[in-house]
């Protein structure tokens, strides 16, 4: 299982949050209390895509410009994608390789890219299952 700190690092870690995360509960409280900095989305979006439009597909531009902290819905989406990215990096041991995997269509996901499928919680669970198989040496 991926740690809360690894998820936070995918969103910029200490430079963004000004703290370490020792538990998922701490990260969940940050999300539930509307305290996730907007910069967490900026960092994650840069790691996942070269396109600015990607960030606004997670949080519409109008909402993005209105809020300094991410509203709960957008914070949950950001955390979910950070969790998937952190897991892929842990398995591939390389951010560019993880990013390539997440951007490429995958047959076990009906031809969708893992990053596309992970936009919903159920889709993210499917992607985690594919990544878990890779972690344990099964072909993906």
Protein backbone atom coordinates (compact mmCIF):
# COMPACT_ATOMS: atom_id res chain seq x y z
CA UNK A 1 0.00 0.00 0.00
CA UNK A 2 1.24 3.46 -0.85
CA UNK A 3 1.86 5.82 2.09
CA UNK A 4 0.26 9.20 2.64
CA UNK A 5 3.71 10.80 2.44
CA UNK A 6 4.36 9.29 -1.00
CA UNK A 7 0.99 10.61 -2.19
CA UNK A 8 1.87 14.04 -0.80
CA UNK A 9 5.26 13.92 -2.54
CA UNK A 10 3.49 13.38 -5.87
CA UNK A 11 1.78 16.73 -5.20
CA UNK A 12 4.94 18.56 -4.16
CA UNK A 13 5.56 17.25 -0.64
CA UNK A 14 6.96 19.56 2.02
CA UNK A 15 7.43 22.43 -0.45
CA UNK A 16 3.66 22.55 -0.98
CA UNK A 17 2.23 21.30 2.33
CA UNK A 18 4.96 22.58 4.71
CA UNK A 19 4.72 19.32 6.64
CA UNK A 20 5.07 15.55 6.49
CA UNK A 21 2.12 13.15 6.51
CA UNK A 22 2.35 10.18 8.87
CA UNK A 23 -1.08 8.73 8.12
CA UNK A 24 -3.86 8.60 5.57
CA UNK A 25 -6.07 10.14 8.24
CA UNK A 26 -3.95 13.30 8.24
CA UNK A 27 -4.19 13.56 4.46
CA UNK A 28 -7.93 12.85 4.55
CA UNK A 29 -8.46 15.60 7.15
CA UNK A 30 -6.64 18.08 4.95
CA UNK A 31 -8.99 17.20 2.08
CA UNK A 32 -12.16 17.13 4.20
CA UNK A 33 -11.35 20.51 5.78
CA UNK A 34 -10.76 22.18 2.41
CA UNK A 35 -7.08 22.88 3.19
CA UNK A 36 -5.36 21.31 0.18
CA UNK A 37 -3.32 24.08 -1.46
CA UNK A 38 -4.09 24.82 -5.09
CA UNK A 39 -0.38 24.43 -5.73
CA UNK A 40 -0.73 20.66 -5.09
CA UNK A 41 -2.81 20.42 -8.26
CA UNK A 42 -0.27 22.55 -10.16
CA UNK A 43 2.64 20.27 -9.22
CA UNK A 44 0.76 17.05 -9.93
CA UNK A 45 -0.57 18.30 -13.27
CA UNK A 46 2.98 19.22 -14.37
CA UNK A 47 4.18 15.74 -13.44
CA UNK A 48 1.37 14.02 -15.33
CA UNK A 49 1.04 16.11 -18.47
CA UNK A 50 2.72 18.79 -20.53
CA UNK A 51 -0.66 20.29 -21.35
CA UNK A 52 -2.16 23.08 -19.23
CA UNK A 53 -5.60 21.81 -20.25
CA UNK A 54 -4.99 18.70 -18.14
CA UNK A 55 -5.08 20.75 -14.93
CA UNK A 56 -8.36 22.34 -15.95
CA UNK A 57 -9.85 18.94 -16.72
CA UNK A 58 -9.44 18.18 -13.01
CA UNK A 59 -10.68 21.59 -11.82
CA UNK A 60 -12.37 24.03 -14.21
CA UNK A 61 -10.40 27.23 -14.80
CA UNK A 62 -13.13 29.46 -13.33
CA UNK A 63 -13.11 27.47 -10.07
CA UNK A 64 -9.32 27.30 -10.08
CA UNK A 65 -8.95 31.09 -10.23
CA UNK A 66 -11.56 31.61 -7.47
CA UNK A 67 -10.02 29.31 -4.86
CA UNK A 68 -6.64 29.31 -3.10
CA UNK A 69 -7.41 25.92 -1.57
CA UNK A 70 -9.04 23.10 -3.50
CA UNK A 71 -12.71 22.44 -2.75
CA UNK A 72 -13.27 18.92 -1.44
CA UNK A 73 -14.40 17.46 -4.78
CA UNK A 74 -11.31 18.71 -6.60
CA UNK A 75 -9.00 17.83 -3.71
CA UNK A 76 -10.34 14.25 -3.80
CA UNK A 77 -9.69 14.03 -7.55
CA UNK A 78 -6.19 15.45 -7.10
CA UNK A 79 -5.39 13.00 -4.30
CA UNK A 80 -6.75 10.07 -6.31
CA UNK A 81 -4.52 10.88 -9.31
CA UNK A 82 -1.54 11.52 -7.00
CA UNK A 83 -2.11 8.11 -5.38
CA UNK A 84 -2.15 6.39 -8.77
CA UNK A 85 0.97 8.27 -9.87
CA UNK A 86 2.82 7.50 -6.62
CA UNK A 87 1.97 3.82 -6.97
CA UNK A 88 3.16 3.74 -10.60
CA UNK A 89 6.42 5.50 -9.63
CA UNK A 90 6.96 3.02 -6.80
CA UNK A 91 6.58 0.12 -9.24
CA UNK A 92 8.57 1.54 -12.18
CA UNK A 93 11.09 3.42 -9.98
CA UNK A 94 11.09 6.21 -12.57
CA UNK A 95 8.69 9.14 -13.04
CA UNK A 96 8.95 9.27 -16.86
CA UNK A 97 8.28 5.52 -17.15
CA UNK A 98 5.34 5.78 -14.75
CA UNK A 99 3.96 8.73 -16.71
CA UNK A 100 4.27 6.81 -20.00
CA UNK A 101 2.43 3.84 -18.52
CA UNK A 102 -0.36 6.06 -17.19
CA UNK A 103 -0.80 7.87 -20.52
CA UNK A 104 -0.85 4.78 -22.78
CA UNK A 105 -4.04 2.88 -23.67
CA UNK A 106 -4.26 -0.37 -21.73
CA UNK A 107 -6.16 -3.49 -22.85
CA UNK A 108 -7.19 -4.43 -19.29
CA UNK A 109 -8.91 -1.05 -19.02
CA UNK A 110 -10.91 -1.43 -22.21
CA UNK A 111 -8.31 0.47 -24.19
CA UNK A 112 -8.47 3.52 -21.90
CA UNK A 113 -5.29 5.08 -20.55
CA UNK A 114 -4.95 4.48 -16.79
CA UNK A 115 -4.87 8.23 -16.22
CA UNK A 116 -8.20 8.61 -18.02
CA UNK A 117 -9.80 5.69 -16.16
CA UNK A 118 -8.57 6.99 -12.79
CA UNK A 119 -10.77 10.09 -13.02
CA UNK A 120 -13.43 8.21 -11.02
CA UNK A 121 -12.92 6.30 -7.78
CA UNK A 122 -14.08 3.03 -9.33
CA UNK A 123 -11.79 3.57 -12.31
CA UNK A 124 -8.90 4.34 -9.97
CA UNK A 125 -9.50 1.02 -8.22
CA UNK A 126 -9.31 -0.74 -11.58
CA UNK A 127 -6.01 1.00 -12.30
CA UNK A 128 -4.72 0.03 -8.84
CA UNK A 129 -5.56 -3.61 -9.62
CA UNK A 130 -3.54 -3.43 -12.85
CA UNK A 131 -0.66 -1.79 -10.98
CA UNK A 132 -0.82 -4.40 -8.20
CA UNK A 133 -0.49 -7.15 -10.81
CA UNK A 134 2.59 -5.36 -12.18
CA UNK A 135 4.02 -5.06 -8.68
CA UNK A 136 3.78 -8.81 -8.22
CA UNK A 137 5.31 -9.64 -11.57
CA UNK A 138 2.24 -10.37 -13.64
CA UNK A 139 2.25 -9.00 -17.21
CA UNK A 140 0.44 -5.72 -17.70
